[in-house]
Amino acid sequence: MQLVAQIVLNGVLLGGFYACMALGFSIVWGVMNVVNLAYGSMIMIGAYVTQLAVLQLGLPLAAALPLAALATFTMGYVLQRALLNRLSERSVFMTLIFTFGLNMALINLNLVLFSADVRSLPDVFGRASFTIAGLSVPYGRATIFAVAMAMTLGLHALLNWTRLGNAIKATSFDPDAARLSGIDVPHVYALTFAIGGAIAGVTGALVATSYSFSPFAGESYTMKAFVVVVLGGLGSIPGAIFGGMLLGIVENLASLFLDSGYRDAVGFTLLLLVLVLRPRGLMGRRFFAEVKG
């Protein structure tokens, strides 16, 4: 029983990391109806920026993390304003093809700039842990979980308590009506994509502290983000957290009863079940990002 409880706790903590990946992916898909296949490559850029900041510039991780977010925020804004806005009136398939091409371009850019070598930061948190009710909680995973919760609360506050959030929601519901009310829709789209990019940068910083990475590692993160968003419900911010935790728990339990190689298969099986039984996701509702469908 203690072993199962420990595995469930580890799954919850892993789910916090999955939620980090899903938040940025969800807001871009929900508001703009763009499935950003380049999202994982943006996470990798955040990881590389973090590594350069820590190893080359000697910055502490606390300073490298916002630097990674700023880099991917800027990149996201420029990409959306210069390129993706030209496709905003096209079908979702056009943006899907475009972001697929963008992903290939970013992978090759990372290859040119950083080579194909697998990299990682020195173990920032080490093996230190603390105990809760007899269960071991590694400091590294606890930190990642705390960052996920902080980003969730920050994004919730931005969308519900600021003028920018109201503009994002209005644009999501009806871009034409938002345009008539004086909202600069291309600017809102660019900011939305940039916010998603900033979250990807933070996720990349967390990847650099805990995992090895390379230019090709981003695709697996894109797939995980896709699964978590569909599980939790498109546009539901709490759904991203819940979907991440559910996926983390299921994958960890699968490793207990099955070979670890079946982790991804179990996750995608869960995805199929949710799509069949509840297509809107487990916490899906008529929220600002779901009307795009």
C-alpha atoms as a PDB file:
ATOM      1  CA  MET A   1       0.000   0.000   0.000  1.00  0.00           C
ATOM      2  CA  GLN A   2       2.856   2.355   0.833  1.00  0.00           C
ATOM      3  CA  LEU A   3       4.394   1.617  -2.567  1.00  0.00           C
ATOM      4  CA  VAL A   4       1.168   2.404  -4.399  1.00  0.00           C
ATOM      5  CA  ALA A   5       0.759   5.649  -2.431  1.00  0.00           C
ATOM      6  CA  GLN A   6       4.310   6.658  -3.320  1.00  0.00           C
ATOM      7  CA  ILE A   7       3.711   5.901  -6.991  1.00  0.00           C
ATOM      8  CA  VAL A   8       0.488   7.932  -6.982  1.00  0.00           C
ATOM      9  CA  LEU A   9       2.290  10.855  -5.324  1.00  0.00           C
ATOM     10  CA  ASN A  10       5.064  10.660  -7.913  1.00  0.00           C
ATOM     11  CA  GLY A  11       2.370  10.644 -10.598  1.00  0.00           C
ATOM     12  CA  VAL A  12       0.788  13.787  -9.175  1.00  0.00           C
ATOM     13  CA  LEU A  13       4.166  15.538  -9.136  1.00  0.00           C
ATOM     14  CA  LEU A  14       4.894  14.382 -12.690  1.00  0.00           C
ATOM     15  CA  GLY A  15       1.462  15.667 -13.639  1.00  0.00           C
ATOM     16  CA  GLY A  16       2.558  19.142 -12.573  1.00  0.00           C
ATOM     17  CA  PHE A  17       5.280  18.997 -15.210  1.00  0.00           C
ATOM     18  CA  TYR A  18       2.791  17.762 -17.814  1.00  0.00           C
ATOM     19  CA  ALA A  19       0.495  20.641 -16.882  1.00  0.00           C
ATOM     20  CA  CYS A  20       3.337  23.100 -17.549  1.00  0.00           C
ATOM     21  CA  MET A  21       3.541  21.738 -21.087  1.00  0.00           C
ATOM     22  CA  ALA A  22      -0.214  21.816 -21.613  1.00  0.00           C
ATOM     23  CA  LEU A  23      -1.001  25.374 -20.472  1.00  0.00           C
ATOM     24  CA  GLY A  24       0.686  27.179 -23.351  1.00  0.00           C
ATOM     25  CA  PHE A  25      -0.503  24.632 -25.896  1.00  0.00           C
ATOM     26  CA  SER A  26      -4.077  24.916 -24.624  1.00  0.00           C
ATOM     27  CA  ILE A  27      -4.378  28.704 -24.734  1.00  0.00           C
ATOM     28  CA  VAL A  28      -3.062  28.915 -28.305  1.00  0.00           C
ATOM     29  CA  TRP A  29      -5.290  26.098 -29.539  1.00  0.00           C
ATOM     30  CA  GLY A  30      -8.312  27.379 -27.664  1.00  0.00           C
ATOM     31  CA  VAL A  31      -8.123  31.069 -28.509  1.00  0.00           C
ATOM     32  CA  MET A  32      -6.693  30.929 -32.040  1.00  0.00           C
ATOM     33  CA  ASN A  33      -7.784  27.454 -33.190  1.00  0.00           C
ATOM     34  CA  VAL A  34      -4.122  26.702 -33.961  1.00  0.00           C
ATOM     35  CA  VAL A  35      -2.657  23.305 -33.068  1.00  0.00           C
ATOM     36  CA  ASN A  36       0.938  24.432 -32.622  1.00  0.00           C
ATOM     37  CA  LEU A  37       3.089  21.494 -33.728  1.00  0.00           C
ATOM     38  CA  ALA A  38       6.185  23.637 -33.110  1.00  0.00           C
ATOM     39  CA  TYR A  39       5.401  23.884 -29.396  1.00  0.00           C
ATOM     40  CA  GLY A  40       7.907  21.199 -28.392  1.00  0.00           C
ATOM     41  CA  SER A  41      10.686  22.922 -30.336  1.00  0.00           C
ATOM     42  CA  MET A  42       9.896  26.150 -28.475  1.00  0.00           C
ATOM     43  CA  ILE A  43      10.271  24.191 -25.229  1.00  0.00           C
ATOM     44  CA  MET A  44      13.694  23.054 -26.453  1.00  0.00           C
ATOM     45  CA  ILE A  45      14.670  26.657 -27.171  1.00  0.00           C
ATOM     46  CA  GLY A  46      13.760  27.511 -23.578  1.00  0.00           C
ATOM     47  CA  ALA A  47      15.955  24.630 -22.402  1.00  0.00           C
ATOM     48  CA  TYR A  48      18.919  25.798 -24.493  1.00  0.00           C
ATOM     49  CA  VAL A  49      18.546  29.409 -23.346  1.00  0.00           C
ATOM     50  CA  THR A  50      18.488  28.213 -19.730  1.00  0.00           C
ATOM     51  CA  GLN A  51      21.607  26.113 -20.202  1.00  0.00           C
ATOM     52  CA  LEU A  52      23.486  28.976 -21.846  1.00  0.00           C
ATOM     53  CA  ALA A  53      22.411  31.404 -19.134  1.00  0.00           C
ATOM     54  CA  VAL A  54      23.519  29.088 -16.321  1.00  0.00           C
ATOM     55  CA  LEU A  55      26.713  27.617 -17.791  1.00  0.00           C
ATOM     56  CA  GLN A  56      27.974  30.421 -20.030  1.00  0.00           C
ATOM     57  CA  LEU A  57      26.718  33.555 -18.260  1.00  0.00           C
ATOM     58  CA  GLY A  58      26.892  32.131 -14.747  1.00  0.00           C
ATOM     59  CA  LEU A  59      23.351  33.209 -13.878  1.00  0.00           C
ATOM     60  CA  PRO A  60      21.395  31.437 -11.148  1.00  0.00           C
ATOM     61  CA  LEU A  61      18.445  29.340 -12.233  1.00  0.00           C
ATOM     62  CA  ALA A  62      16.031  31.892 -10.753  1.00  0.00           C
ATOM     63  CA  ALA A  63      17.359  34.463 -13.248  1.00  0.00           C
ATOM     64  CA  ALA A  64      17.683  32.031 -16.170  1.00  0.00           C
ATOM     65  CA  LEU A  65      14.029  30.984 -15.990  1.00  0.00           C
ATOM     66  CA  PRO A  66      12.507  34.424 -16.771  1.00  0.00           C
ATOM     67  CA  LEU A  67      15.212  34.926 -19.406  1.00  0.00           C
ATOM     68  CA  ALA A  68      14.054  31.752 -21.175  1.00  0.00           C
ATOM     69  CA  ALA A  69      10.439  32.922 -20.914  1.00  0.00           C
ATOM     70  CA  LEU A  70      11.340  36.334 -22.385  1.00  0.00           C
ATOM     71  CA  ALA A  71      13.205  34.740 -25.303  1.00  0.00           C
ATOM     72  CA  THR A  72      10.318  32.479 -26.288  1.00  0.00           C
ATOM     73  CA  PHE A  73       7.729  35.213 -25.619  1.00  0.00           C
ATOM     74  CA  THR A  74       9.528  37.490 -28.079  1.00  0.00           C
ATOM     75  CA  MET A  75       9.935  34.710 -30.620  1.00  0.00           C
ATOM     76  CA  GLY A  76       6.248  33.788 -30.313  1.00  0.00           C
ATOM     77  CA  TYR A  77       5.094  37.374 -30.793  1.00  0.00           C
ATOM     78  CA  VAL A  78       7.261  37.893 -33.879  1.00  0.00           C
ATOM     79  CA  LEU A  79       6.253  34.580 -35.457  1.00  0.00           C
ATOM     80  CA  GLN A  80       2.557  35.236 -34.932  1.00  0.00           C
ATOM     81  CA  ARG A  81       2.626  38.870 -36.001  1.00  0.00           C
ATOM     82  CA  ALA A  82       4.793  38.303 -39.065  1.00  0.00           C
ATOM     83  CA  LEU A  83       3.619  34.900 -40.280  1.00  0.00           C
ATOM     84  CA  LEU A  84       0.722  33.179 -38.515  1.00  0.00           C
ATOM     85  CA  ASN A  85      -1.595  36.213 -38.618  1.00  0.00           C
ATOM     86  CA  ARG A  86      -1.550  35.882 -42.402  1.00  0.00           C
ATOM     87  CA  LEU A  87      -3.192  32.480 -41.968  1.00  0.00           C
ATOM     88  CA  SER A  88      -5.682  33.450 -39.258  1.00  0.00           C
ATOM     89  CA  GLU A  89      -8.644  33.367 -41.654  1.00  0.00           C
ATOM     90  CA  ARG A  90      -7.597  30.059 -43.218  1.00  0.00           C
ATOM     91  CA  SER A  91      -8.673  26.578 -42.152  1.00  0.00           C
ATOM     92  CA  VAL A  92      -7.145  24.758 -39.206  1.00  0.00           C
ATOM     93  CA  PHE A  93      -5.446  22.420 -41.700  1.00  0.00           C
ATOM     94  CA  MET A  94      -3.460  25.285 -43.192  1.00  0.00           C
ATOM     95  CA  THR A  95      -2.176  26.333 -39.776  1.00  0.00           C
ATOM     96  CA  LEU A  96      -1.445  22.673 -38.993  1.00  0.00           C
ATOM     97  CA  ILE A  97       0.718  22.388 -42.099  1.00  0.00           C
ATOM     98  CA  PHE A  98       2.396  25.708 -41.336  1.00  0.00           C
ATOM     99  CA  THR A  99       3.280  24.829 -37.742  1.00  0.00           C
ATOM    100  CA  PHE A 100       4.568  21.440 -38.935  1.00  0.00           C
ATOM    101  CA  GLY A 101       6.932  23.269 -41.293  1.00  0.00           C
ATOM    102  CA  LEU A 102       7.819  25.733 -38.546  1.00  0.00           C
ATOM    103  CA  ASN A 103       8.669  22.822 -36.269  1.00  0.00           C
ATOM    104  CA  MET A 104      11.058  21.394 -38.888  1.00  0.00           C
ATOM    105  CA  ALA A 105      12.670  24.821 -39.281  1.00  0.00           C
ATOM    106  CA  LEU A 106      13.157  25.230 -35.512  1.00  0.00           C
ATOM    107  CA  ILE A 107      14.593  21.726 -35.168  1.00  0.00           C
ATOM    108  CA  ASN A 108      17.165  22.501 -37.854  1.00  0.00           C
ATOM    109  CA  LEU A 109      17.874  25.921 -36.334  1.00  0.00           C
ATOM    110  CA  ASN A 110      18.617  24.238 -33.008  1.00  0.00           C
ATOM    111  CA  LEU A 111      20.827  21.721 -34.814  1.00  0.00           C
ATOM    112  CA  VAL A 112      22.834  24.508 -36.445  1.00  0.00           C
ATOM    113  CA  LEU A 113      23.161  26.553 -33.252  1.00  0.00           C
ATOM    114  CA  PHE A 114      23.589  23.805 -30.658  1.00  0.00           C
ATOM    115  CA  SER A 115      24.431  20.587 -32.603  1.00  0.00           C
ATOM    116  CA  ALA A 116      22.668  17.248 -32.129  1.00  0.00           C
ATOM    117  CA  ASP A 117      24.481  16.465 -28.879  1.00  0.00           C
ATOM    118  CA  VAL A 118      22.307  15.481 -25.941  1.00  0.00           C
ATOM    119  CA  ARG A 119      22.702  18.104 -23.214  1.00  0.00           C
ATOM    120  CA  SER A 120      21.662  18.640 -19.631  1.00  0.00           C
ATOM    121  CA  LEU A 121      22.377  20.954 -16.751  1.00  0.00           C
ATOM    122  CA  PRO A 122      24.246  19.686 -13.715  1.00  0.00           C
ATOM    123  CA  ASP A 123      21.769  18.213 -11.273  1.00  0.00           C
ATOM    124  CA  VAL A 124      20.397  21.410  -9.748  1.00  0.00           C
ATOM    125  CA  PHE A 125      18.359  19.806  -6.991  1.00  0.00           C
ATOM    126  CA  GLY A 126      20.403  16.662  -6.438  1.00  0.00           C
ATOM    127  CA  ARG A 127      18.706  13.727  -4.739  1.00  0.00           C
ATOM    128  CA  ALA A 128      17.509  15.765  -1.768  1.00  0.00           C
ATOM    129  CA  SER A 129      13.927  15.147  -0.648  1.00  0.00           C
ATOM    130  CA  PHE A 130      11.612  15.684   2.265  1.00  0.00           C
ATOM    131  CA  THR A 131       8.953  13.460   3.793  1.00  0.00           C
ATOM    132  CA  ILE A 132       5.173  13.918   4.027  1.00  0.00           C
ATOM    133  CA  ALA A 133       3.130  11.237   5.817  1.00  0.00           C
ATOM    134  CA  GLY A 134       5.932   8.776   5.285  1.00  0.00           C
ATOM    135  CA  LEU A 135       6.150   9.496   1.536  1.00  0.00           C
ATOM    136  CA  SER A 136       9.293  10.864  -0.076  1.00  0.00           C
ATOM    137  CA  VAL A 137       8.958  14.096  -2.057  1.00  0.00           C
ATOM    138  CA  PRO A 138      12.014  15.060  -4.174  1.00  0.00           C
ATOM    139  CA  TYR A 139      12.763  18.786  -4.063  1.00  0.00           C
ATOM    140  CA  GLY A 140      13.134  18.921  -7.849  1.00  0.00           C
ATOM    141  CA  ARG A 141       9.690  17.507  -8.591  1.00  0.00           C
ATOM    142  CA  ALA A 142       8.119  19.579  -5.841  1.00  0.00           C
ATOM    143  CA  THR A 143       9.636  22.721  -7.354  1.00  0.00           C
ATOM    144  CA  ILE A 144       8.314  21.855 -10.814  1.00  0.00           C
ATOM    145  CA  PHE A 145       4.866  21.211  -9.345  1.00  0.00           C
ATOM    146  CA  ALA A 146       4.957  24.570  -7.526  1.00  0.00           C
ATOM    147  CA  VAL A 147       5.908  26.373 -10.744  1.00  0.00           C
ATOM    148  CA  ALA A 148       3.005  24.663 -12.541  1.00  0.00           C
ATOM    149  CA  MET A 149       0.561  25.813  -9.874  1.00  0.00           C
ATOM    150  CA  ALA A 150       1.965  29.352  -9.966  1.00  0.00           C
ATOM    151  CA  MET A 151       1.643  29.549 -13.752  1.00  0.00           C
ATOM    152  CA  THR A 152      -1.899  28.198 -13.591  1.00  0.00           C
ATOM    153  CA  LEU A 153      -2.953  30.806 -11.054  1.00  0.00           C
ATOM    154  CA  GLY A 154      -1.142  33.543 -12.979  1.00  0.00           C
ATOM    155  CA  LEU A 155      -2.817  32.605 -16.269  1.00  0.00           C
ATOM    156  CA  HIS A 156      -6.214  32.363 -14.558  1.00  0.00           C
ATOM    157  CA  ALA A 157      -5.745  35.844 -13.068  1.00  0.00           C
ATOM    158  CA  LEU A 158      -4.599  37.271 -16.407  1.00  0.00           C
ATOM    159  CA  LEU A 159      -7.596  35.911 -18.296  1.00  0.00           C
ATOM    160  CA  ASN A 160     -10.242  36.808 -15.730  1.00  0.00           C
ATOM    161  CA  TRP A 161      -9.072  39.980 -14.010  1.00  0.00           C
ATOM    162  CA  THR A 162      -7.313  42.073 -16.663  1.00  0.00           C
ATOM    163  CA  ARG A 163      -8.348  44.035 -19.759  1.00  0.00           C
ATOM    164  CA  LEU A 164      -6.001  41.896 -21.842  1.00  0.00           C
ATOM    165  CA  GLY A 165      -7.746  38.771 -20.582  1.00  0.00           C
ATOM    166  CA  ASN A 166     -11.142  40.196 -21.492  1.00  0.00           C
ATOM    167  CA  ALA A 167      -9.807  41.062 -24.952  1.00  0.00           C
ATOM    168  CA  ILE A 168      -8.456  37.523 -25.384  1.00  0.00           C
ATOM    169  CA  LYS A 169     -11.790  36.005 -24.376  1.00  0.00           C
ATOM    170  CA  ALA A 170     -13.761  38.367 -26.598  1.00  0.00           C
ATOM    171  CA  THR A 171     -11.500  37.595 -29.552  1.00  0.00           C
ATOM    172  CA  SER A 172     -11.889  33.886 -28.904  1.00  0.00           C
ATOM    173  CA  PHE A 173     -15.685  34.044 -28.876  1.00  0.00           C
ATOM    174  CA  ASP A 174     -16.127  36.269 -31.937  1.00  0.00           C
ATOM    175  CA  PRO A 175     -13.154  37.957 -33.676  1.00  0.00           C
ATOM    176  CA  ASP A 176     -15.395  40.100 -35.883  1.00  0.00           C
ATOM    177  CA  ALA A 177     -17.381  41.463 -32.931  1.00  0.00           C
ATOM    178  CA  ALA A 178     -14.136  42.063 -31.046  1.00  0.00           C
ATOM    179  CA  ARG A 179     -12.794  43.993 -34.038  1.00  0.00           C
ATOM    180  CA  LEU A 180     -15.936  46.134 -34.158  1.00  0.00           C
ATOM    181  CA  SER A 181     -15.566  46.946 -30.451  1.00  0.00           C
ATOM    182  CA  GLY A 182     -12.104  48.379 -31.055  1.00  0.00           C
ATOM    183  CA  ILE A 183      -9.917  45.409 -30.106  1.00  0.00           C
ATOM    184  CA  ASP A 184      -6.749  45.009 -32.170  1.00  0.00           C
ATOM    185  CA  VAL A 185      -7.337  41.347 -33.037  1.00  0.00           C
ATOM    186  CA  PRO A 186      -3.951  40.674 -34.728  1.00  0.00           C
ATOM    187  CA  HIS A 187      -2.201  42.146 -31.676  1.00  0.00           C
ATOM    188  CA  VAL A 188      -4.287  40.005 -29.303  1.00  0.00           C
ATOM    189  CA  TYR A 189      -3.507  36.903 -31.369  1.00  0.00           C
ATOM    190  CA  ALA A 190       0.191  37.756 -31.288  1.00  0.00           C
ATOM    191  CA  LEU A 191       0.123  38.288 -27.521  1.00  0.00           C
ATOM    192  CA  THR A 192      -1.737  35.009 -27.028  1.00  0.00           C
ATOM    193  CA  PHE A 193       0.838  33.118 -29.070  1.00  0.00           C
ATOM    194  CA  ALA A 194       3.598  34.938 -27.184  1.00  0.00           C
ATOM    195  CA  ILE A 195       2.090  33.969 -23.807  1.00  0.00           C
ATOM    196  CA  GLY A 196       1.985  30.369 -24.974  1.00  0.00           C
ATOM    197  CA  GLY A 197       5.617  30.761 -26.026  1.00  0.00           C
ATOM    198  CA  ALA A 198       6.596  32.160 -22.629  1.00  0.00           C
ATOM    199  CA  ILE A 199       5.012  29.150 -20.905  1.00  0.00           C
ATOM    200  CA  ALA A 200       6.948  26.913 -23.301  1.00  0.00           C
ATOM    201  CA  GLY A 201      10.132  28.743 -22.286  1.00  0.00           C
ATOM    202  CA  VAL A 202       9.457  28.167 -18.587  1.00  0.00           C
ATOM    203  CA  THR A 203       8.748  24.504 -19.322  1.00  0.00           C
ATOM    204  CA  GLY A 204      12.025  24.307 -21.222  1.00  0.00           C
ATOM    205  CA  ALA A 205      13.876  25.727 -18.242  1.00  0.00           C
ATOM    206  CA  LEU A 206      12.335  23.013 -16.064  1.00  0.00           C
ATOM    207  CA  VAL A 207      13.295  20.379 -18.659  1.00  0.00           C
ATOM    208  CA  ALA A 208      16.897  21.582 -18.524  1.00  0.00           C
ATOM    209  CA  THR A 209      17.021  21.180 -14.748  1.00  0.00           C
ATOM    210  CA  SER A 210      15.642  17.649 -14.665  1.00  0.00           C
ATOM    211  CA  TYR A 211      16.080  15.900 -18.012  1.00  0.00           C
ATOM    212  CA  SER A 212      18.521  15.575 -20.883  1.00  0.00           C
ATOM    213  CA  PHE A 213      17.441  17.227 -24.137  1.00  0.00           C
ATOM    214  CA  SER A 214      18.328  17.616 -27.800  1.00  0.00           C
ATOM    215  CA  PRO A 215      16.783  19.353 -30.836  1.00  0.00           C
ATOM    216  CA  PHE A 216      14.733  16.238 -31.580  1.00  0.00           C
ATOM    217  CA  ALA A 217      13.265  15.852 -28.073  1.00  0.00           C
ATOM    218  CA  GLY A 218      10.562  18.468 -28.608  1.00  0.00           C
ATOM    219  CA  GLU A 219       8.169  16.247 -30.532  1.00  0.00           C
ATOM    220  CA  SER A 220       7.518  14.024 -27.509  1.00  0.00           C
ATOM    221  CA  TYR A 221       6.644  17.110 -25.439  1.00  0.00           C
ATOM    222  CA  THR A 222       4.219  18.296 -28.126  1.00  0.00           C
ATOM    223  CA  MET A 223       2.448  14.930 -28.043  1.00  0.00           C
ATOM    224  CA  LYS A 224       2.241  14.943 -24.244  1.00  0.00           C
ATOM    225  CA  ALA A 225       0.794  18.460 -24.281  1.00  0.00           C
ATOM    226  CA  PHE A 226      -1.787  17.386 -26.869  1.00  0.00           C
ATOM    227  CA  VAL A 227      -2.871  14.408 -24.767  1.00  0.00           C
ATOM    228  CA  VAL A 228      -3.134  16.458 -21.563  1.00  0.00           C
ATOM    229  CA  VAL A 229      -5.182  19.218 -23.242  1.00  0.00           C
ATOM    230  CA  VAL A 230      -7.659  16.738 -24.716  1.00  0.00           C
ATOM    231  CA  LEU A 231      -7.931  14.844 -21.424  1.00  0.00           C
ATOM    232  CA  GLY A 232      -8.531  17.937 -19.319  1.00  0.00           C
ATOM    233  CA  GLY A 233     -10.734  19.802 -21.775  1.00  0.00           C
ATOM    234  CA  LEU A 234      -9.744  22.418 -24.317  1.00  0.00           C
ATOM    235  CA  GLY A 235      -9.675  25.897 -22.794  1.00  0.00           C
ATOM    236  CA  SER A 236     -10.085  24.746 -19.201  1.00  0.00           C
ATOM    237  CA  ILE A 237      -7.096  25.905 -17.184  1.00  0.00           C
ATOM    238  CA  PRO A 238      -7.892  23.675 -14.181  1.00  0.00           C
ATOM    239  CA  GLY A 239      -8.426  20.938 -16.759  1.00  0.00           C
ATOM    240  CA  ALA A 240      -4.788  21.194 -17.825  1.00  0.00           C
ATOM    241  CA  ILE A 241      -3.697  20.561 -14.226  1.00  0.00           C
ATOM    242  CA  PHE A 242      -6.205  17.755 -13.739  1.00  0.00           C
ATOM    243  CA  GLY A 243      -5.369  16.159 -17.097  1.00  0.00           C
ATOM    244  CA  GLY A 244      -1.646  16.337 -16.333  1.00  0.00           C
ATOM    245  CA  MET A 245      -2.082  14.731 -12.922  1.00  0.00           C
ATOM    246  CA  LEU A 246      -4.343  12.020 -14.304  1.00  0.00           C
ATOM    247  CA  LEU A 247      -1.870  11.179 -17.057  1.00  0.00           C
ATOM    248  CA  GLY A 248       1.061  11.173 -14.618  1.00  0.00           C
ATOM    249  CA  ILE A 249      -0.741   8.853 -12.187  1.00  0.00           C
ATOM    250  CA  VAL A 250      -1.901   6.466 -14.915  1.00  0.00           C
ATOM    251  CA  GLU A 251       1.581   6.283 -16.456  1.00  0.00           C
ATOM    252  CA  ASN A 252       3.238   5.642 -13.103  1.00  0.00           C
ATOM    253  CA  LEU A 253       0.739   2.946 -12.167  1.00  0.00           C
ATOM    254  CA  ALA A 254       1.225   1.368 -15.575  1.00  0.00           C
ATOM    255  CA  SER A 255       4.945   1.143 -14.845  1.00  0.00           C
ATOM    256  CA  LEU A 256       4.115  -0.758 -11.642  1.00  0.00           C
ATOM    257  CA  PHE A 257       1.912  -3.376 -13.277  1.00  0.00           C
ATOM    258  CA  LEU A 258       3.314  -3.379 -16.830  1.00  0.00           C
ATOM    259  CA  ASP A 259       6.661  -2.945 -18.508  1.00  0.00           C
ATOM    260  CA  SER A 260       7.797   0.710 -18.521  1.00  0.00           C
ATOM    261  CA  GLY A 261       7.786   0.637 -22.321  1.00  0.00           C
ATOM    262  CA  TYR A 262       3.977   0.637 -22.230  1.00  0.00           C
ATOM    263  CA  ARG A 263       3.737   4.036 -20.486  1.00  0.00           C
ATOM    264  CA  ASP A 264       2.951   5.987 -23.647  1.00  0.00           C
ATOM    265  CA  ALA A 265       0.601   3.305 -24.948  1.00  0.00           C
ATOM    266  CA  VAL A 266      -1.409   3.450 -21.724  1.00  0.00           C
ATOM    267  CA  GLY A 267      -1.595   7.245 -21.962  1.00  0.00           C
ATOM    268  CA  PHE A 268      -2.906   7.160 -25.533  1.00  0.00           C
ATOM    269  CA  THR A 269      -5.387   4.430 -24.621  1.00  0.00           C
ATOM    270  CA  LEU A 270      -6.728   6.727 -21.913  1.00  0.00           C
ATOM    271  CA  LEU A 271      -6.952   9.501 -24.498  1.00  0.00           C
ATOM    272  CA  LEU A 272      -9.027   7.309 -26.812  1.00  0.00           C
ATOM    273  CA  LEU A 273     -11.388   6.367 -23.988  1.00  0.00           C
ATOM    274  CA  VAL A 274     -11.958  10.003 -23.069  1.00  0.00           C
ATOM    275  CA  LEU A 275     -12.566  10.963 -26.709  1.00  0.00           C
ATOM    276  CA  VAL A 276     -15.184   8.211 -27.013  1.00  0.00           C
ATOM    277  CA  LEU A 277     -16.922   8.726 -23.670  1.00  0.00           C
ATOM    278  CA  ARG A 278     -16.530  12.495 -23.190  1.00  0.00           C
ATOM    279  CA  PRO A 279     -15.242  14.298 -26.304  1.00  0.00           C
ATOM    280  CA  ARG A 280     -15.160  17.667 -24.523  1.00  0.00           C
ATOM    281  CA  GLY A 281     -12.612  16.361 -22.026  1.00  0.00           C
ATOM    282  CA  LEU A 282     -13.034  15.507 -18.375  1.00  0.00           C
ATOM    283  CA  MET A 283     -13.382  19.147 -17.314  1.00  0.00           C
ATOM    284  CA  GLY A 284     -14.515  20.597 -20.614  1.00  0.00           C
ATOM    285  CA  ARG A 285     -17.170  23.309 -20.489  1.00  0.00           C
ATOM    286  CA  ARG A 286     -18.308  26.290 -22.479  1.00  0.00           C
ATOM    287  CA  PHE A 287     -15.328  28.376 -21.602  1.00  0.00           C
ATOM    288  CA  PHE A 288     -13.624  31.118 -23.595  1.00  0.00           C
ATOM    289  CA  ALA A 289     -11.457  28.727 -25.552  1.00  0.00           C
ATOM    290  CA  GLU A 290     -13.961  26.033 -26.312  1.00  0.00           C
ATOM    291  CA  VAL A 291     -16.269  27.850 -28.665  1.00  0.00           C
ATOM    292  CA  LYS A 292     -13.686  27.421 -31.409  1.00  0.00           C
ATOM    293  CA  GLY A 293     -14.253  23.689 -31.160  1.00  0.00           C
END
